[in-house]
Amino acid sequence: MVKLEKLENEINKIKERNARVEGDKAWETSLTRRIIVAIGTYALSLLLFVVINAPNPFLAALVPTFGFILSTLTIPFFRSWWLKKQKRK
């Protein structure tokens, strides 16, 4: 009986861990996260460009922001390509 309870506990721990991992994965790929990071990137870039007195700081801050957005759009493609390549090995 004790072994059965121990196994049930282990299974429950695994299910809890899987739920956490699934939540983390959902967050990592969510549009909400991408928008938050893009806004943060723009704000920090803008602050830096204002502090260093760069010309057109509002426009210049778009460059790293678009770089981040572009990277989030291309990463899934390269991830799929990499996974296919790994399966061939």
N, C-alpha and C. Protein backbone atom coordinates (compact mmCIF):
# COMPACT_ATOMS: atom_id res chain seq x y z
N MET A 1 0.82 -1.20 0.00
CA MET A 1 0.00 0.00 0.00
C MET A 1 0.86 1.27 0.00
N VAL A 2 1.96 1.23 0.76
CA VAL A 2 2.84 2.39 0.84
C VAL A 2 3.47 2.68 -0.52
N LYS A 3 3.86 1.63 -1.23
CA LYS A 3 4.46 1.81 -2.55
C LYS A 3 3.48 2.44 -3.53
N LEU A 4 2.22 2.04 -3.45
CA LEU A 4 1.20 2.60 -4.32
C LEU A 4 1.02 4.09 -4.06
N GLU A 5 0.99 4.50 -2.80
CA GLU A 5 0.85 5.91 -2.43
C GLU A 5 2.08 6.70 -2.89
N LYS A 6 3.25 6.09 -2.75
CA LYS A 6 4.48 6.74 -3.18
C LYS A 6 4.46 6.96 -4.70
N LEU A 7 4.01 5.96 -5.43
CA LEU A 7 3.90 6.09 -6.88
C LEU A 7 2.90 7.17 -7.27
N GLU A 8 1.77 7.22 -6.57
CA GLU A 8 0.77 8.25 -6.84
C GLU A 8 1.35 9.64 -6.58
N ASN A 9 2.10 9.78 -5.50
CA ASN A 9 2.75 11.06 -5.19
C ASN A 9 3.72 11.46 -6.30
N GLU A 10 4.52 10.51 -6.75
CA GLU A 10 5.48 10.78 -7.82
C GLU A 10 4.76 11.20 -9.10
N ILE A 11 3.68 10.51 -9.42
CA ILE A 11 2.90 10.86 -10.62
C ILE A 11 2.32 12.26 -10.48
N ASN A 12 1.81 12.60 -9.31
CA ASN A 12 1.26 13.94 -9.09
C ASN A 12 2.34 15.00 -9.21
N LYS A 13 3.53 14.73 -8.71
CA LYS A 13 4.64 15.68 -8.83
C LYS A 13 5.00 15.89 -10.30
N ILE A 14 5.01 14.80 -11.06
CA ILE A 14 5.33 14.90 -12.48
C ILE A 14 4.26 15.71 -13.21
N LYS A 15 3.00 15.48 -12.87
CA LYS A 15 1.91 16.23 -13.50
C LYS A 15 2.01 17.72 -13.17
N GLU A 16 2.35 18.04 -11.92
CA GLU A 16 2.51 19.45 -11.52
C GLU A 16 3.68 20.09 -12.28
N ARG A 17 4.77 19.36 -12.40
CA ARG A 17 5.93 19.87 -13.13
C ARG A 17 5.57 20.09 -14.59
N ASN A 18 4.88 19.14 -15.20
CA ASN A 18 4.48 19.28 -16.60
C ASN A 18 3.58 20.49 -16.80
N ALA A 19 2.68 20.72 -15.86
CA ALA A 19 1.79 21.89 -15.96
C ALA A 19 2.61 23.18 -15.89
N ARG A 20 3.60 23.21 -15.01
CA ARG A 20 4.47 24.39 -14.90
C ARG A 20 5.26 24.61 -16.18
N VAL A 21 5.82 23.53 -16.71
CA VAL A 21 6.61 23.63 -17.94
C VAL A 21 5.74 24.09 -19.11
N GLU A 22 4.54 23.56 -19.20
CA GLU A 22 3.62 23.98 -20.27
C GLU A 22 3.26 25.45 -20.14
N GLY A 23 3.06 25.91 -18.90
CA GLY A 23 2.77 27.33 -18.68
C GLY A 23 3.94 28.21 -19.08
N ASP A 24 5.16 27.78 -18.70
CA ASP A 24 6.36 28.54 -19.08
C ASP A 24 6.51 28.60 -20.59
N LYS A 25 6.27 27.49 -21.26
CA LYS A 25 6.39 27.44 -22.72
C LYS A 25 5.34 28.35 -23.37
N ALA A 26 4.13 28.31 -22.84
CA ALA A 26 3.06 29.17 -23.37
C ALA A 26 3.43 30.64 -23.22
N TRP A 27 4.01 31.00 -22.09
CA TRP A 27 4.42 32.38 -21.85
C TRP A 27 5.54 32.77 -22.82
N GLU A 28 6.53 31.91 -22.98
CA GLU A 28 7.67 32.21 -23.85
C GLU A 28 7.25 32.46 -25.29
N THR A 29 6.21 31.82 -25.74
CA THR A 29 5.78 31.97 -27.14
C THR A 29 4.57 32.89 -27.30
N SER A 30 4.13 33.52 -26.22
CA SER A 30 2.90 34.31 -26.28
C SER A 30 3.11 35.67 -26.94
N LEU A 31 2.07 36.13 -27.57
CA LEU A 31 2.08 37.47 -28.17
C LEU A 31 2.19 38.54 -27.09
N THR A 32 1.57 38.30 -25.95
CA THR A 32 1.63 39.26 -24.84
C THR A 32 3.07 39.51 -24.42
N ARG A 33 3.85 38.44 -24.27
CA ARG A 33 5.25 38.58 -23.88
C ARG A 33 6.02 39.34 -24.94
N ARG A 34 5.78 39.03 -26.19
CA ARG A 34 6.49 39.71 -27.27
C ARG A 34 6.20 41.21 -27.27
N ILE A 35 4.95 41.55 -27.04
CA ILE A 35 4.56 42.97 -27.01
C ILE A 35 5.21 43.67 -25.83
N ILE A 36 5.19 43.04 -24.66
CA ILE A 36 5.79 43.63 -23.46
C ILE A 36 7.29 43.86 -23.67
N VAL A 37 7.97 42.86 -24.23
CA VAL A 37 9.42 43.00 -24.45
C VAL A 37 9.69 44.06 -25.52
N ALA A 38 8.87 44.13 -26.55
CA ALA A 38 9.06 45.14 -27.60
C ALA A 38 8.87 46.54 -27.02
N ILE A 39 7.87 46.72 -26.19
CA ILE A 39 7.65 48.04 -25.57
C ILE A 39 8.81 48.38 -24.65
N GLY A 40 9.26 47.41 -23.87
CA GLY A 40 10.41 47.64 -22.99
C GLY A 40 11.67 47.97 -23.77
N THR A 41 11.87 47.27 -24.87
CA THR A 41 13.04 47.52 -25.72
C THR A 41 12.98 48.94 -26.28
N TYR A 42 11.81 49.34 -26.74
CA TYR A 42 11.67 50.69 -27.29
C TYR A 42 11.92 51.74 -26.20
N ALA A 43 11.33 51.53 -25.03
CA ALA A 43 11.46 52.51 -23.95
C ALA A 43 12.91 52.66 -23.50
N LEU A 44 13.60 51.54 -23.31
CA LEU A 44 15.00 51.61 -22.88
C LEU A 44 15.90 52.20 -23.96
N SER A 45 15.63 51.83 -25.21
CA SER A 45 16.42 52.39 -26.31
C SER A 45 16.19 53.89 -26.42
N LEU A 46 14.95 54.29 -26.30
CA LEU A 46 14.62 55.71 -26.35
C LEU A 46 15.33 56.47 -25.24
N LEU A 47 15.29 55.93 -24.03
CA LEU A 47 15.96 56.56 -22.90
C LEU A 47 17.45 56.71 -23.18
N LEU A 48 18.06 55.65 -23.66
CA LEU A 48 19.50 55.70 -23.97
C LEU A 48 19.79 56.76 -25.03
N PHE A 49 19.01 56.77 -26.09
CA PHE A 49 19.26 57.73 -27.17
C PHE A 49 19.02 59.18 -26.72
N VAL A 50 18.06 59.38 -25.82
CA VAL A 50 17.84 60.73 -25.28
C VAL A 50 19.02 61.13 -24.40
N VAL A 51 19.48 60.21 -23.56
CA VAL A 51 20.59 60.51 -22.65
C VAL A 51 21.86 60.84 -23.42
N ILE A 52 22.13 60.10 -24.49
CA ILE A 52 23.35 60.38 -25.26
C ILE A 52 23.14 61.49 -26.30
N ASN A 53 21.94 62.06 -26.30
CA ASN A 53 21.61 63.18 -27.18
C ASN A 53 21.76 62.80 -28.66
N ALA A 54 21.27 61.62 -29.01
CA ALA A 54 21.32 61.16 -30.40
C ALA A 54 20.28 61.90 -31.23
N PRO A 55 20.56 62.10 -32.51
CA PRO A 55 19.56 62.73 -33.36
C PRO A 55 18.38 61.78 -33.58
N ASN A 56 17.19 62.33 -33.61
CA ASN A 56 15.96 61.56 -33.83
C ASN A 56 15.83 60.33 -32.91
N PRO A 57 15.84 60.53 -31.60
CA PRO A 57 15.83 59.38 -30.69
C PRO A 57 14.56 58.52 -30.81
N PHE A 58 13.42 59.15 -31.10
CA PHE A 58 12.18 58.38 -31.22
C PHE A 58 12.23 57.44 -32.43
N LEU A 59 12.85 57.91 -33.50
CA LEU A 59 13.00 57.08 -34.68
C LEU A 59 14.11 56.05 -34.49
N ALA A 60 15.21 56.46 -33.91
CA ALA A 60 16.35 55.56 -33.69
C ALA A 60 15.98 54.39 -32.78
N ALA A 61 15.10 54.63 -31.81
CA ALA A 61 14.70 53.57 -30.88
C ALA A 61 13.88 52.48 -31.56
N LEU A 62 13.38 52.76 -32.75
CA LEU A 62 12.63 51.74 -33.49
C LEU A 62 13.54 50.64 -34.03
N VAL A 63 14.81 50.96 -34.26
CA VAL A 63 15.73 49.98 -34.87
C VAL A 63 15.89 48.74 -33.99
N PRO A 64 16.28 48.86 -32.72
CA PRO A 64 16.39 47.65 -31.90
C PRO A 64 15.04 46.98 -31.66
N THR A 65 13.99 47.78 -31.61
CA THR A 65 12.65 47.21 -31.40
C THR A 65 12.25 46.34 -32.59
N PHE A 66 12.46 46.83 -33.80
CA PHE A 66 12.15 46.03 -34.98
C PHE A 66 13.07 44.82 -35.08
N GLY A 67 14.30 44.97 -34.62
CA GLY A 67 15.22 43.84 -34.59
C GLY A 67 14.68 42.73 -33.70
N PHE A 68 14.16 43.11 -32.54
CA PHE A 68 13.58 42.11 -31.64
C PHE A 68 12.37 41.45 -32.28
N ILE A 69 11.48 42.26 -32.85
CA ILE A 69 10.27 41.71 -33.47
C ILE A 69 10.64 40.78 -34.62
N LEU A 70 11.59 41.18 -35.44
CA LEU A 70 12.03 40.33 -36.54
C LEU A 70 12.60 39.01 -36.03
N SER A 71 13.35 39.07 -34.95
CA SER A 71 13.93 37.83 -34.41
C SER A 71 12.84 36.90 -33.89
N THR A 72 11.78 37.44 -33.31
CA THR A 72 10.71 36.57 -32.81
C THR A 72 9.90 35.97 -33.95
N LEU A 73 9.91 36.62 -35.10
CA LEU A 73 9.19 36.08 -36.25
C LEU A 73 9.99 35.00 -36.98
N THR A 74 11.32 35.12 -36.96
CA THR A 74 12.15 34.17 -37.69
C THR A 74 12.58 32.98 -36.85
N ILE A 75 12.60 33.13 -35.54
CA ILE A 75 13.06 32.04 -34.67
C ILE A 75 12.24 30.76 -34.88
N PRO A 76 10.91 30.80 -34.95
CA PRO A 76 10.18 29.54 -35.16
C PRO A 76 10.60 28.82 -36.45
N PHE A 77 10.86 29.56 -37.50
CA PHE A 77 11.30 28.95 -38.75
C PHE A 77 12.62 28.23 -38.56
N PHE A 78 13.59 28.92 -37.95
CA PHE A 78 14.91 28.32 -37.76
C PHE A 78 14.87 27.18 -36.74
N ARG A 79 14.00 27.29 -35.78
CA ARG A 79 13.85 26.20 -34.80
C ARG A 79 13.34 24.94 -35.49
N SER A 80 12.34 25.09 -36.32
CA SER A 80 11.80 23.94 -37.07
C SER A 80 12.87 23.33 -37.96
N TRP A 81 13.61 24.18 -38.65
CA TRP A 81 14.68 23.71 -39.52
C TRP A 81 15.73 22.95 -38.72
N TRP A 82 16.13 23.50 -37.58
CA TRP A 82 17.14 22.87 -36.73
C TRP A 82 16.66 21.53 -36.20
N LEU A 83 15.40 21.47 -35.77
CA LEU A 83 14.86 20.21 -35.26
C LEU A 83 14.82 19.13 -36.33
N LYS A 84 14.44 19.50 -37.54
CA LYS A 84 14.44 18.54 -38.65
C LYS A 84 15.86 18.04 -38.92
N LYS A 85 16.81 18.95 -38.87
CA LYS A 85 18.21 18.58 -39.09
C LYS A 85 18.69 17.62 -38.00
N GLN A 86 18.29 17.84 -36.76
CA GLN A 86 18.70 16.99 -35.65
C GLN A 86 18.11 15.59 -35.75
N LYS A 87 16.91 15.49 -36.28
CA LYS A 87 16.26 14.18 -36.41
C LYS A 87 16.97 13.28 -37.41
N ARG A 88 17.63 13.90 -38.40
CA ARG A 88 18.34 13.12 -39.43
C ARG A 88 19.59 12.45 -38.89
N LYS A 89 20.14 12.98 -37.80
CA LYS A 89 21.39 12.45 -37.25
C LYS A 89 21.22 11.12 -36.60
